[in-house]
Structure formats: C-alpha cells, structure tokens
Amino acid sequence: MRTTGHGYVTTKDISQKTVIIKQLSDWKEAAMQIPSLVKAAPNMAEFANYAARIMQAADIGLQMLEKSPDENYKAGFLQTLKSLKSRDDRLEILILPEIEALITGTLTLLPKSFSPF
C-alpha cells in the first residue's frame, strides 16, 4: 500500500488508483468480519476496536479516490484520521499515513526500519 500510495499521490496513475481501491475494499471487507470472529473467540475482542477503525480509514480512502471531496470534507477526514490514532494502542494501524496522503497529496516518511507493503 505504501509504495502504491506514494506512486499514486505523485503521478495520479489510474492503474495504481485501481489497485489502492481494491486493497482498501479488501481491508474493509476483512475488518467487517472481525466482530463475528470475536463471538467465536472472545480473546480476540481487542481486535474489534482496530477493525472498526480500519473500516473507517478505508471508507475515507475510498471516498477520496471515488468522489473527490471538497476542502471542508478533506479537513473533516484529516480530523477523523487523527482521532483514529491512539497513544494507548498496543498495535499501530500503519495504513493511516497512506490514507492521509490520499487527502493531502503528501506521504509522511517512515523510519527505514519499516518495510513498505
């Protein structure tokens, strides 16, 4: 996602946009399945919170790619993304910077210890 997202943000290549839409849709669908999995495996309950936030982030990314919202919506999306980051998390949702890049057009650099996916 990071490599494709960076490519799309810099070139607006339609083929990369298509790949990103597919990835976001897949992540959203997978995240939607977590609540039913939690019912069968209560020890996974913590993941339900992450799944909800991943669905929300994926929705924002899809809206940016499919609808080209105005600046007011973009500001709201950025605020929502900011709220999806929690300092108390044990896990970090690494797609948030990529979704933010779809809004701002600028991808935040990560430390070299993070491998792109």
PDB file of N, CA and C in Angstrom:
ATOM      1  N   MET A   1       0.829  -1.198   0.000  1.00  0.00           N
ATOM      2  CA  MET A   1       0.000   0.000   0.000  1.00  0.00           C
ATOM      3  C   MET A   1       0.867   1.254   0.000  1.00  0.00           C
ATOM      4  N   ARG A   2       1.929   1.243   0.773  1.00  0.00           N
ATOM      5  CA  ARG A   2       2.760   2.447   0.873  1.00  0.00           C
ATOM      6  C   ARG A   2       3.397   2.780  -0.472  1.00  0.00           C
ATOM      7  N   THR A   3       3.957   1.780  -1.129  1.00  0.00           N
ATOM      8  CA  THR A   3       4.614   2.021  -2.408  1.00  0.00           C
ATOM      9  C   THR A   3       3.592   2.448  -3.459  1.00  0.00           C
ATOM     10  N   THR A   4       2.471   1.760  -3.511  1.00  0.00           N
ATOM     11  CA  THR A   4       1.427   2.100  -4.468  1.00  0.00           C
ATOM     12  C   THR A   4       0.834   3.470  -4.148  1.00  0.00           C
ATOM     13  N   GLY A   5       0.597   3.734  -2.860  1.00  0.00           N
ATOM     14  CA  GLY A   5       0.054   5.027  -2.439  1.00  0.00           C
ATOM     15  C   GLY A   5       0.976   6.169  -2.821  1.00  0.00           C
ATOM     16  N   HIS A   6       2.271   5.977  -2.587  1.00  0.00           N
ATOM     17  CA  HIS A   6       3.241   7.018  -2.945  1.00  0.00           C
ATOM     18  C   HIS A   6       3.231   7.237  -4.454  1.00  0.00           C
ATOM     19  N   GLY A   7       3.201   6.148  -5.204  1.00  0.00           N
ATOM     20  CA  GLY A   7       3.164   6.275  -6.659  1.00  0.00           C
ATOM     21  C   GLY A   7       1.930   7.016  -7.134  1.00  0.00           C
ATOM     22  N   TYR A   8       0.789   6.699  -6.545  1.00  0.00           N
ATOM     23  CA  TYR A   8      -0.451   7.357  -6.957  1.00  0.00           C
ATOM     24  C   TYR A   8      -0.455   8.833  -6.572  1.00  0.00           C
ATOM     25  N   VAL A   9      -0.005   9.144  -5.365  1.00  0.00           N
ATOM     26  CA  VAL A   9      -0.007  10.537  -4.908  1.00  0.00           C
ATOM     27  C   VAL A   9       0.874  11.404  -5.802  1.00  0.00           C
ATOM     28  N   THR A  10       1.968  10.841  -6.282  1.00  0.00           N
ATOM     29  CA  THR A  10       2.887  11.647  -7.098  1.00  0.00           C
ATOM     30  C   THR A  10       2.519  11.668  -8.579  1.00  0.00           C
ATOM     31  N   THR A  11       1.881  10.584  -9.090  1.00  0.00           N
ATOM     32  CA  THR A  11       1.627  10.528 -10.534  1.00  0.00           C
ATOM     33  C   THR A  11       0.154  10.518 -10.922  1.00  0.00           C
ATOM     34  N   LYS A  12      -0.734  10.216  -9.967  1.00  0.00           N
ATOM     35  CA  LYS A  12      -2.182  10.068 -10.232  1.00  0.00           C
ATOM     36  C   LYS A  12      -2.453   9.001 -11.305  1.00  0.00           C
ATOM     37  N   ASP A  13      -1.591   7.969 -11.326  1.00  0.00           N
ATOM     38  CA  ASP A  13      -1.727   6.859 -12.269  1.00  0.00           C
ATOM     39  C   ASP A  13      -3.009   6.073 -11.970  1.00  0.00           C
ATOM     40  N   ILE A  14      -3.873   5.948 -12.967  1.00  0.00           N
ATOM     41  CA  ILE A  14      -5.167   5.283 -12.801  1.00  0.00           C
ATOM     42  C   ILE A  14      -5.004   3.814 -12.408  1.00  0.00           C
ATOM     43  N   SER A  15      -3.987   3.127 -12.932  1.00  0.00           N
ATOM     44  CA  SER A  15      -3.798   1.713 -12.575  1.00  0.00           C
ATOM     45  C   SER A  15      -3.443   1.571 -11.090  1.00  0.00           C
ATOM     46  N   GLN A  16      -2.670   2.508 -10.561  1.00  0.00           N
ATOM     47  CA  GLN A  16      -2.347   2.474  -9.128  1.00  0.00           C
ATOM     48  C   GLN A  16      -3.578   2.803  -8.299  1.00  0.00           C
ATOM     49  N   LYS A  17      -4.405   3.715  -8.779  1.00  0.00           N
ATOM     50  CA  LYS A  17      -5.652   4.052  -8.100  1.00  0.00           C
ATOM     51  C   LYS A  17      -6.538   2.808  -8.000  1.00  0.00           C
ATOM     52  N   THR A  18      -6.620   2.051  -9.071  1.00  0.00           N
ATOM     53  CA  THR A  18      -7.425   0.832  -9.087  1.00  0.00           C
ATOM     54  C   THR A  18      -6.910  -0.177  -8.065  1.00  0.00           C
ATOM     55  N   VAL A  19      -5.603  -0.320  -7.974  1.00  0.00           N
ATOM     56  CA  VAL A  19      -5.002  -1.245  -7.000  1.00  0.00           C
ATOM     57  C   VAL A  19      -5.320  -0.791  -5.581  1.00  0.00           C
ATOM     58  N   ILE A  20      -5.219   0.499  -5.319  1.00  0.00           N
ATOM     59  CA  ILE A  20      -5.496   1.024  -3.976  1.00  0.00           C
ATOM     60  C   ILE A  20      -6.965   0.813  -3.622  1.00  0.00           C
ATOM     61  N   ILE A  21      -7.860   1.075  -4.551  1.00  0.00           N
ATOM     62  CA  ILE A  21      -9.292   0.863  -4.289  1.00  0.00           C
ATOM     63  C   ILE A  21      -9.550  -0.599  -3.942  1.00  0.00           C
ATOM     64  N   LYS A  22      -8.920  -1.510  -4.662  1.00  0.00           N
ATOM     65  CA  LYS A  22      -9.084  -2.945  -4.381  1.00  0.00           C
ATOM     66  C   LYS A  22      -8.552  -3.280  -2.991  1.00  0.00           C
ATOM     67  N   GLN A  23      -7.366  -2.773  -2.647  1.00  0.00           N
ATOM     68  CA  GLN A  23      -6.791  -3.042  -1.327  1.00  0.00           C
ATOM     69  C   GLN A  23      -7.674  -2.499  -0.214  1.00  0.00           C
ATOM     70  N   LEU A  24      -8.130  -1.268  -0.358  1.00  0.00           N
ATOM     71  CA  LEU A  24      -8.983  -0.678   0.670  1.00  0.00           C
ATOM     72  C   LEU A  24     -10.295  -1.442   0.811  1.00  0.00           C
ATOM     73  N   SER A  25     -10.867  -1.841  -0.304  1.00  0.00           N
ATOM     74  CA  SER A  25     -12.108  -2.616  -0.264  1.00  0.00           C
ATOM     75  C   SER A  25     -11.895  -3.960   0.411  1.00  0.00           C
ATOM     76  N   ASP A  26     -10.773  -4.610   0.106  1.00  0.00           N
ATOM     77  CA  ASP A  26     -10.449  -5.899   0.740  1.00  0.00           C
ATOM     78  C   ASP A  26     -10.256  -5.736   2.241  1.00  0.00           C
ATOM     79  N   TRP A  27      -9.541  -4.685   2.655  1.00  0.00           N
ATOM     80  CA  TRP A  27      -9.312  -4.460   4.085  1.00  0.00           C
ATOM     81  C   TRP A  27     -10.617  -4.163   4.798  1.00  0.00           C
ATOM     82  N   LYS A  28     -11.467  -3.384   4.148  1.00  0.00           N
ATOM     83  CA  LYS A  28     -12.756  -3.057   4.753  1.00  0.00           C
ATOM     84  C   LYS A  28     -13.590  -4.331   4.936  1.00  0.00           C
ATOM     85  N   GLU A  29     -13.634  -5.157   3.900  1.00  0.00           N
ATOM     86  CA  GLU A  29     -14.410  -6.395   3.991  1.00  0.00           C
ATOM     87  C   GLU A  29     -13.843  -7.332   5.060  1.00  0.00           C
ATOM     88  N   ALA A  30     -12.533  -7.450   5.118  1.00  0.00           N
ATOM     89  CA  ALA A  30     -11.916  -8.305   6.141  1.00  0.00           C
ATOM     90  C   ALA A  30     -12.207  -7.772   7.545  1.00  0.00           C
ATOM     91  N   ALA A  31     -12.129  -6.459   7.706  1.00  0.00           N
ATOM     92  CA  ALA A  31     -12.399  -5.854   9.014  1.00  0.00           C
ATOM     93  C   ALA A  31     -13.848  -6.055   9.428  1.00  0.00           C
ATOM     94  N   MET A  32     -14.752  -6.088   8.465  1.00  0.00           N
ATOM     95  CA  MET A  32     -16.165  -6.293   8.774  1.00  0.00           C
ATOM     96  C   MET A  32     -16.430  -7.697   9.337  1.00  0.00           C
ATOM     97  N   GLN A  33     -15.537  -8.626   9.066  1.00  0.00           N
ATOM     98  CA  GLN A  33     -15.711  -9.998   9.539  1.00  0.00           C
ATOM     99  C   GLN A  33     -15.213 -10.200  10.968  1.00  0.00           C
ATOM    100  N   ILE A  34     -14.415  -9.293  11.472  1.00  0.00           N
ATOM    101  CA  ILE A  34     -13.835  -9.443  12.809  1.00  0.00           C
ATOM    102  C   ILE A  34     -14.888  -9.565  13.906  1.00  0.00           C
ATOM    103  N   PRO A  35     -15.932  -8.726  13.937  1.00  0.00           N
ATOM    104  CA  PRO A  35     -16.912  -8.866  15.018  1.00  0.00           C
ATOM    105  C   PRO A  35     -17.518 -10.269  15.124  1.00  0.00           C
ATOM    106  N   SER A  36     -17.780 -10.919  13.999  1.00  0.00           N
ATOM    107  CA  SER A  36     -18.328 -12.277  14.072  1.00  0.00           C
ATOM    108  C   SER A  36     -17.274 -13.268  14.555  1.00  0.00           C
ATOM    109  N   LEU A  37     -16.016 -13.020  14.229  1.00  0.00           N
ATOM    110  CA  LEU A  37     -14.947 -13.890  14.722  1.00  0.00           C
ATOM    111  C   LEU A  37     -14.763 -13.740  16.221  1.00  0.00           C
ATOM    112  N   VAL A  38     -14.964 -12.523  16.723  1.00  0.00           N
ATOM    113  CA  VAL A  38     -14.816 -12.259  18.159  1.00  0.00           C
ATOM    114  C   VAL A  38     -15.844 -13.062  18.957  1.00  0.00           C
ATOM    115  N   LYS A  39     -17.038 -13.232  18.395  1.00  0.00           N
ATOM    116  CA  LYS A  39     -18.057 -14.021  19.084  1.00  0.00           C
ATOM    117  C   LYS A  39     -17.588 -15.450  19.305  1.00  0.00           C
ATOM    118  N   ALA A  40     -16.863 -15.999  18.340  1.00  0.00           N
ATOM    119  CA  ALA A  40     -16.368 -17.364  18.452  1.00  0.00           C
ATOM    120  C   ALA A  40     -15.075 -17.450  19.249  1.00  0.00           C
ATOM    121  N   ALA A  41     -14.337 -16.361  19.311  1.00  0.00           N
ATOM    122  CA  ALA A  41     -13.047 -16.339  20.019  1.00  0.00           C
ATOM    123  C   ALA A  41     -12.950 -15.050  20.823  1.00  0.00           C
ATOM    124  N   PRO A  42     -13.527 -15.023  22.026  1.00  0.00           N
ATOM    125  CA  PRO A  42     -13.552 -13.797  22.827  1.00  0.00           C
ATOM    126  C   PRO A  42     -12.170 -13.196  23.109  1.00  0.00           C
ATOM    127  N   ASN A  43     -11.132 -13.999  23.052  1.00  0.00           N
ATOM    128  CA  ASN A  43      -9.787 -13.462  23.289  1.00  0.00           C
ATOM    129  C   ASN A  43      -9.343 -12.508  22.175  1.00  0.00           C
ATOM    130  N   MET A  44     -10.109 -12.435  21.103  1.00  0.00           N
ATOM    131  CA  MET A  44      -9.795 -11.513  20.001  1.00  0.00           C
ATOM    132  C   MET A  44     -10.572 -10.202  20.112  1.00  0.00           C
ATOM    133  N   ALA A  45     -11.264  -9.989  21.218  1.00  0.00           N
ATOM    134  CA  ALA A  45     -12.131  -8.812  21.370  1.00  0.00           C
ATOM    135  C   ALA A  45     -11.396  -7.500  21.126  1.00  0.00           C
ATOM    136  N   GLU A  46     -10.148  -7.427  21.521  1.00  0.00           N
ATOM    137  CA  GLU A  46      -9.384  -6.194  21.329  1.00  0.00           C
ATOM    138  C   GLU A  46      -9.266  -5.825  19.847  1.00  0.00           C
ATOM    139  N   PHE A  47      -9.274  -6.837  18.980  1.00  0.00           N
ATOM    140  CA  PHE A  47      -9.144  -6.567  17.553  1.00  0.00           C
ATOM    141  C   PHE A  47     -10.393  -5.922  16.956  1.00  0.00           C
ATOM    142  N   ALA A  48     -11.537  -6.072  17.620  1.00  0.00           N
ATOM    143  CA  ALA A  48     -12.767  -5.470  17.107  1.00  0.00           C
ATOM    144  C   ALA A  48     -12.629  -3.947  17.031  1.00  0.00           C
ATOM    145  N   ASN A  49     -11.970  -3.345  18.010  1.00  0.00           N
ATOM    146  CA  ASN A  49     -11.740  -1.903  18.011  1.00  0.00           C
ATOM    147  C   ASN A  49     -10.862  -1.497  16.822  1.00  0.00           C
ATOM    148  N   TYR A  50      -9.799  -2.257  16.586  1.00  0.00           N
ATOM    149  CA  TYR A  50      -8.923  -1.952  15.455  1.00  0.00           C
ATOM    150  C   TYR A  50      -9.669  -2.132  14.139  1.00  0.00           C
ATOM    151  N   ALA A  51     -10.482  -3.170  14.065  1.00  0.00           N
ATOM    152  CA  ALA A  51     -11.233  -3.443  12.842  1.00  0.00           C
ATOM    153  C   ALA A  51     -12.173  -2.286  12.524  1.00  0.00           C
ATOM    154  N   ALA A  52     -12.838  -1.763  13.536  1.00  0.00           N
ATOM    155  CA  ALA A  52     -13.742  -0.629  13.317  1.00  0.00           C
ATOM    156  C   ALA A  52     -12.976   0.580  12.790  1.00  0.00           C
ATOM    157  N   ARG A  53     -11.798   0.813  13.329  1.00  0.00           N
ATOM    158  CA  ARG A  53     -11.008   1.964  12.880  1.00  0.00           C
ATOM    159  C   ARG A  53     -10.449   1.736  11.474  1.00  0.00           C
ATOM    160  N   ILE A  54     -10.080   0.495  11.161  1.00  0.00           N
ATOM    161  CA  ILE A  54      -9.601   0.185   9.813  1.00  0.00           C
ATOM    162  C   ILE A  54     -10.725   0.385   8.811  1.00  0.00           C
ATOM    163  N   MET A  55     -11.949  -0.035   9.153  1.00  0.00           N
ATOM    164  CA  MET A  55     -13.088   0.178   8.265  1.00  0.00           C
ATOM    165  C   MET A  55     -13.309   1.673   8.018  1.00  0.00           C
ATOM    166  N   GLN A  56     -13.209   2.458   9.079  1.00  0.00           N
ATOM    167  CA  GLN A  56     -13.418   3.896   8.951  1.00  0.00           C
ATOM    168  C   GLN A  56     -12.335   4.526   8.076  1.00  0.00           C
ATOM    169  N   ALA A  57     -11.090   4.118   8.285  1.00  0.00           N
ATOM    170  CA  ALA A  57      -9.987   4.650   7.473  1.00  0.00           C
ATOM    171  C   ALA A  57     -10.145   4.228   6.015  1.00  0.00           C
ATOM    172  N   ALA A  58     -10.517   2.985   5.785  1.00  0.00           N
ATOM    173  CA  ALA A  58     -10.719   2.502   4.415  1.00  0.00           C
ATOM    174  C   ALA A  58     -11.841   3.282   3.739  1.00  0.00           C
ATOM    175  N   ASP A  59     -12.922   3.556   4.471  1.00  0.00           N
ATOM    176  CA  ASP A  59     -14.021   4.357   3.915  1.00  0.00           C
ATOM    177  C   ASP A  59     -13.535   5.740   3.486  1.00  0.00           C
ATOM    178  N   ILE A  60     -12.720   6.353   4.315  1.00  0.00           N
ATOM    179  CA  ILE A  60     -12.185   7.680   3.987  1.00  0.00           C
ATOM    180  C   ILE A  60     -11.345   7.595   2.717  1.00  0.00           C
ATOM    181  N   GLY A  61     -10.460   6.610   2.643  1.00  0.00           N
ATOM    182  CA  GLY A  61      -9.628   6.442   1.455  1.00  0.00           C
ATOM    183  C   GLY A  61     -10.453   6.216   0.198  1.00  0.00           C
ATOM    184  N   LEU A  62     -11.483   5.376   0.324  1.00  0.00           N
ATOM    185  CA  LEU A  62     -12.340   5.109  -0.837  1.00  0.00           C
ATOM    186  C   LEU A  62     -13.086   6.372  -1.269  1.00  0.00           C
ATOM    187  N   GLN A  63     -13.567   7.137  -0.327  1.00  0.00           N
ATOM    188  CA  GLN A  63     -14.262   8.384  -0.675  1.00  0.00           C
ATOM    189  C   GLN A  63     -13.320   9.359  -1.379  1.00  0.00           C
ATOM    190  N   MET A  64     -12.086   9.431  -0.909  1.00  0.00           N
ATOM    191  CA  MET A  64     -11.114  10.329  -1.540  1.00  0.00           C
ATOM    192  C   MET A  64     -10.851   9.918  -2.981  1.00  0.00           C
ATOM    193  N   LEU A  65     -10.775   8.615  -3.209  1.00  0.00           N
ATOM    194  CA  LEU A  65     -10.455   8.137  -4.558  1.00  0.00           C
ATOM    195  C   LEU A  65     -11.652   8.131  -5.491  1.00  0.00           C
ATOM    196  N   GLU A  66     -12.834   7.936  -4.954  1.00  0.00           N
ATOM    197  CA  GLU A  66     -14.009   7.775  -5.807  1.00  0.00           C
ATOM    198  C   GLU A  66     -14.839   9.038  -5.969  1.00  0.00           C
ATOM    199  N   LYS A  67     -14.770   9.985  -5.004  1.00  0.00           N
ATOM    200  CA  LYS A  67     -15.677  11.126  -5.042  1.00  0.00           C
ATOM    201  C   LYS A  67     -15.005  12.488  -5.144  1.00  0.00           C
ATOM    202  N   SER A  68     -13.718  12.587  -4.925  1.00  0.00           N
ATOM    203  CA  SER A  68     -13.002  13.873  -4.946  1.00  0.00           C
ATOM    204  C   SER A  68     -13.707  14.940  -4.100  1.00  0.00           C
ATOM    205  N   PRO A  69     -13.772  14.728  -2.782  1.00  0.00           N
ATOM    206  CA  PRO A  69     -14.478  15.677  -1.909  1.00  0.00           C
ATOM    207  C   PRO A  69     -13.816  17.051  -1.853  1.00  0.00           C
ATOM    208  N   ASP A  70     -14.611  18.038  -1.433  1.00  0.00           N
ATOM    209  CA  ASP A  70     -14.093  19.407  -1.330  1.00  0.00           C
ATOM    210  C   ASP A  70     -13.219  19.559  -0.078  1.00  0.00           C
ATOM    211  N   GLU A  71     -12.662  20.761   0.070  1.00  0.00           N
ATOM    212  CA  GLU A  71     -11.705  21.023   1.152  1.00  0.00           C
ATOM    213  C   GLU A  71     -12.317  20.850   2.549  1.00  0.00           C
ATOM    214  N   ASN A  72     -13.599  21.178   2.707  1.00  0.00           N
ATOM    215  CA  ASN A  72     -14.239  21.006   4.011  1.00  0.00           C
ATOM    216  C   ASN A  72     -14.295  19.538   4.411  1.00  0.00           C
ATOM    217  N   TYR A  73     -14.659  18.684   3.448  1.00  0.00           N
ATOM    218  CA  TYR A  73     -14.674  17.249   3.725  1.00  0.00           C
ATOM    219  C   TYR A  73     -13.270  16.745   4.033  1.00  0.00           C
ATOM    220  N   LYS A  74     -12.286  17.224   3.272  1.00  0.00           N
ATOM    221  CA  LYS A  74     -10.906  16.800   3.496  1.00  0.00           C
ATOM    222  C   LYS A  74     -10.457  17.155   4.912  1.00  0.00           C
ATOM    223  N   ALA A  75     -10.795  18.343   5.368  1.00  0.00           N
ATOM    224  CA  ALA A  75     -10.429  18.758   6.732  1.00  0.00           C
ATOM    225  C   ALA A  75     -11.091  17.838   7.749  1.00  0.00           C
ATOM    226  N   GLY A  76     -12.332  17.485   7.522  1.00  0.00           N
ATOM    227  CA  GLY A  76     -13.029  16.559   8.416  1.00  0.00           C
ATOM    228  C   GLY A  76     -12.405  15.177   8.398  1.00  0.00           C
ATOM    229  N   PHE A  77     -12.017  14.729   7.204  1.00  0.00           N
ATOM    230  CA  PHE A  77     -11.361  13.426   7.087  1.00  0.00           C
ATOM    231  C   PHE A  77     -10.043  13.411   7.853  1.00  0.00           C
ATOM    232  N   LEU A  78      -9.265  14.487   7.723  1.00  0.00           N
ATOM    233  CA  LEU A  78      -7.982  14.556   8.437  1.00  0.00           C
ATOM    234  C   LEU A  78      -8.205  14.523   9.948  1.00  0.00           C
ATOM    235  N   GLN A  79      -9.224  15.211  10.411  1.00  0.00           N
ATOM    236  CA  GLN A  79      -9.545  15.204  11.845  1.00  0.00           C
ATOM    237  C   GLN A  79      -9.949  13.804  12.292  1.00  0.00           C
ATOM    238  N   THR A  80     -10.737  13.128  11.482  1.00  0.00           N
ATOM    239  CA  THR A  80     -11.149  11.759  11.811  1.00  0.00           C
ATOM    240  C   THR A  80      -9.939  10.834  11.864  1.00  0.00           C
ATOM    241  N   LEU A  81      -9.045  10.946  10.876  1.00  0.00           N
ATOM    242  CA  LEU A  81      -7.839  10.109  10.878  1.00  0.00           C
ATOM    243  C   LEU A  81      -7.001  10.350  12.124  1.00  0.00           C
ATOM    244  N   LYS A  82      -6.895  11.614  12.511  1.00  0.00           N
ATOM    245  CA  LYS A  82      -6.142  11.951  13.721  1.00  0.00           C
ATOM    246  C   LYS A  82      -6.765  11.263  14.934  1.00  0.00           C
ATOM    247  N   SER A  83      -8.088  11.223  14.976  1.00  0.00           N
ATOM    248  CA  SER A  83      -8.763  10.592  16.117  1.00  0.00           C
ATOM    249  C   SER A  83      -8.612   9.066  16.111  1.00  0.00           C
ATOM    250  N   LEU A  84      -8.283   8.483  14.957  1.00  0.00           N
ATOM    251  CA  LEU A  84      -8.123   7.032  14.875  1.00  0.00           C
ATOM    252  C   LEU A  84      -6.790   6.567  15.456  1.00  0.00           C
ATOM    253  N   LYS A  85      -5.869   7.502  15.640  1.00  0.00           N
ATOM    254  CA  LYS A  85      -4.573   7.173  16.230  1.00  0.00           C
ATOM    255  C   LYS A  85      -4.695   7.318  17.740  1.00  0.00           C
ATOM    256  N   SER A  86      -4.298   6.295  18.463  1.00  0.00           N
ATOM    257  CA  SER A  86      -4.392   6.339  19.917  1.00  0.00           C
ATOM    258  C   SER A  86      -3.045   6.007  20.541  1.00  0.00           C
ATOM    259  N   ARG A  87      -2.622   6.826  21.467  1.00  0.00           N
ATOM    260  CA  ARG A  87      -1.346   6.588  22.133  1.00  0.00           C
ATOM    261  C   ARG A  87      -1.394   5.366  23.037  1.00  0.00           C
ATOM    262  N   ASP A  88      -2.591   4.915  23.367  1.00  0.00           N
ATOM    263  CA  ASP A  88      -2.738   3.753  24.240  1.00  0.00           C
ATOM    264  C   ASP A  88      -2.756   2.436  23.478  1.00  0.00           C
ATOM    265  N   ASP A  89      -2.717   2.489  22.159  1.00  0.00           N
ATOM    266  CA  ASP A  89      -2.778   1.266  21.364  1.00  0.00           C
ATOM    267  C   ASP A  89      -1.541   0.403  21.553  1.00  0.00           C
ATOM    268  N   ARG A  90      -1.788  -0.892  21.534  1.00  0.00           N
ATOM    269  CA  ARG A  90      -0.664  -1.829  21.537  1.00  0.00           C
ATOM    270  C   ARG A  90      -0.189  -2.089  20.115  1.00  0.00           C
ATOM    271  N   LEU A  91      -1.064  -1.854  19.165  1.00  0.00           N
ATOM    272  CA  LEU A  91      -0.749  -2.024  17.753  1.00  0.00           C
ATOM    273  C   LEU A  91      -0.925  -0.690  17.051  1.00  0.00           C
ATOM    274  N   GLU A  92      -0.172  -0.490  16.003  1.00  0.00           N
ATOM    275  CA  GLU A  92      -0.304   0.733  15.220  1.00  0.00           C
ATOM    276  C   GLU A  92      -0.952   0.382  13.887  1.00  0.00           C
ATOM    277  N   ILE A  93      -1.910   1.153  13.482  1.00  0.00           N
ATOM    278  CA  ILE A  93      -2.569   0.938  12.200  1.00  0.00           C
ATOM    279  C   ILE A  93      -1.747   1.680  11.149  1.00  0.00           C
ATOM    280  N   LEU A  94      -0.932   0.935  10.429  1.00  0.00           N
ATOM    281  CA  LEU A  94       0.038   1.559   9.540  1.00  0.00           C
ATOM    282  C   LEU A  94      -0.533   2.098   8.237  1.00  0.00           C
ATOM    283  N   ILE A  95      -1.798   1.852   7.954  1.00  0.00           N
ATOM    284  CA  ILE A  95      -2.346   2.425   6.723  1.00  0.00           C
ATOM    285  C   ILE A  95      -2.808   3.864   6.915  1.00  0.00           C
ATOM    286  N   LEU A  96      -2.857   4.336   8.154  1.00  0.00           N
ATOM    287  CA  LEU A  96      -3.343   5.700   8.392  1.00  0.00           C
ATOM    288  C   LEU A  96      -2.515   6.760   7.666  1.00  0.00           C
ATOM    289  N   PRO A  97      -1.173   6.675   7.656  1.00  0.00           N
ATOM    290  CA  PRO A  97      -0.411   7.684   6.899  1.00  0.00           C
ATOM    291  C   PRO A  97      -0.700   7.644   5.394  1.00  0.00           C
ATOM    292  N   GLU A  98      -0.965   6.449   4.860  1.00  0.00           N
ATOM    293  CA  GLU A  98      -1.266   6.334   3.439  1.00  0.00           C
ATOM    294  C   GLU A  98      -2.626   6.955   3.115  1.00  0.00           C
ATOM    295  N   ILE A  99      -3.607   6.736   3.994  1.00  0.00           N
ATOM    296  CA  ILE A  99      -4.921   7.343   3.790  1.00  0.00           C
ATOM    297  C   ILE A  99      -4.792   8.867   3.883  1.00  0.00           C
ATOM    298  N   GLU A 100      -4.004   9.332   4.841  1.00  0.00           N
ATOM    299  CA  GLU A 100      -3.769  10.771   4.973  1.00  0.00           C
ATOM    300  C   GLU A 100      -3.131  11.336   3.710  1.00  0.00           C
ATOM    301  N   ALA A 101      -2.221  10.578   3.103  1.00  0.00           N
ATOM    302  CA  ALA A 101      -1.570  11.032   1.874  1.00  0.00           C
ATOM    303  C   ALA A 101      -2.570  11.170   0.727  1.00  0.00           C
ATOM    304  N   LEU A 102      -3.593  10.317   0.708  1.00  0.00           N
ATOM    305  CA  LEU A 102      -4.619  10.452  -0.332  1.00  0.00           C
ATOM    306  C   LEU A 102      -5.369  11.775  -0.188  1.00  0.00           C
ATOM    307  N   ILE A 103      -5.452  12.270   1.032  1.00  0.00           N
ATOM    308  CA  ILE A 103      -6.149  13.535   1.289  1.00  0.00           C
ATOM    309  C   ILE A 103      -5.238  14.728   1.014  1.00  0.00           C
ATOM    310  N   THR A 104      -4.012  14.665   1.553  1.00  0.00           N
ATOM    311  CA  THR A 104      -3.116  15.821   1.485  1.00  0.00           C
ATOM    312  C   THR A 104      -2.247  15.855   0.240  1.00  0.00           C
ATOM    313  N   GLY A 105      -2.026  14.688  -0.368  1.00  0.00           N
ATOM    314  CA  GLY A 105      -1.129  14.628  -1.514  1.00  0.00           C
ATOM    315  C   GLY A 105       0.326  14.492  -1.120  1.00  0.00           C
ATOM    316  N   THR A 106       0.601  14.341   0.177  1.00  0.00           N
ATOM    317  CA  THR A 106       1.969  14.207   0.674  1.00  0.00           C
ATOM    318  C   THR A 106       2.065  13.005   1.590  1.00  0.00           C
ATOM    319  N   LEU A 107       3.012  12.124   1.330  1.00  0.00           N
ATOM    320  CA  LEU A 107       3.203  10.939   2.140  1.00  0.00           C
ATOM    321  C   LEU A 107       4.268  11.185   3.189  1.00  0.00           C
ATOM    322  N   THR A 108       3.923  10.953   4.441  1.00  0.00           N
ATOM    323  CA  THR A 108       4.865  11.121   5.545  1.00  0.00           C
ATOM    324  C   THR A 108       5.895   9.997   5.499  1.00  0.00           C
ATOM    325  N   LEU A 109       7.149  10.354   5.614  1.00  0.00           N
ATOM    326  CA  LEU A 109       8.198   9.342   5.599  1.00  0.00           C
ATOM    327  C   LEU A 109       8.204   8.571   6.913  1.00  0.00           C
ATOM    328  N   LEU A 110       8.436   7.272   6.802  1.00  0.00           N
ATOM    329  CA  LEU A 110       8.565   6.419   7.973  1.00  0.00           C
ATOM    330  C   LEU A 110      10.031   6.087   8.180  1.00  0.00           C
ATOM    331  N   PRO A 111      10.395   5.687   9.396  1.00  0.00           N
ATOM    332  CA  PRO A 111      11.779   5.269   9.622  1.00  0.00           C
ATOM    333  C   PRO A 111      12.145   4.117   8.690  1.00  0.00           C
ATOM    334  N   LYS A 112      13.402   3.998   8.362  1.00  0.00           N
ATOM    335  CA  LYS A 112      13.856   2.950   7.456  1.00  0.00           C
ATOM    336  C   LYS A 112      13.625   1.556   8.014  1.00  0.00           C
ATOM    337  N   SER A 113      13.372   1.437   9.312  1.00  0.00           N
ATOM    338  CA  SER A 113      13.122   0.132   9.901  1.00  0.00           C
ATOM    339  C   SER A 113      11.753  -0.436   9.498  1.00  0.00           C
ATOM    340  N   PHE A 114      10.859   0.408   8.960  1.00  0.00           N
ATOM    341  CA  PHE A 114       9.553  -0.042   8.492  1.00  0.00           C
ATOM    342  C   PHE A 114       9.704  -0.469   7.046  1.00  0.00           C
ATOM    343  N   SER A 115       9.283  -1.681   6.742  1.00  0.00           N
ATOM    344  CA  SER A 115       9.357  -2.114   5.345  1.00  0.00           C
ATOM    345  C   SER A 115       8.043  -1.751   4.646  1.00  0.00           C
ATOM    346  N   PRO A 116       8.105  -1.287   3.406  1.00  0.00           N
ATOM    347  CA  PRO A 116       6.871  -0.940   2.687  1.00  0.00           C
ATOM    348  C   PRO A 116       6.112  -2.197   2.318  1.00  0.00           C
ATOM    349  N   PHE A 117       4.792  -2.085   2.254  1.00  0.00           N
ATOM    350  CA  PHE A 117       3.967  -3.214   1.827  1.00  0.00           C
ATOM    351  C   PHE A 117       2.947  -2.752   0.826  1.00  0.00           C
TER     352      PHE A 117
END
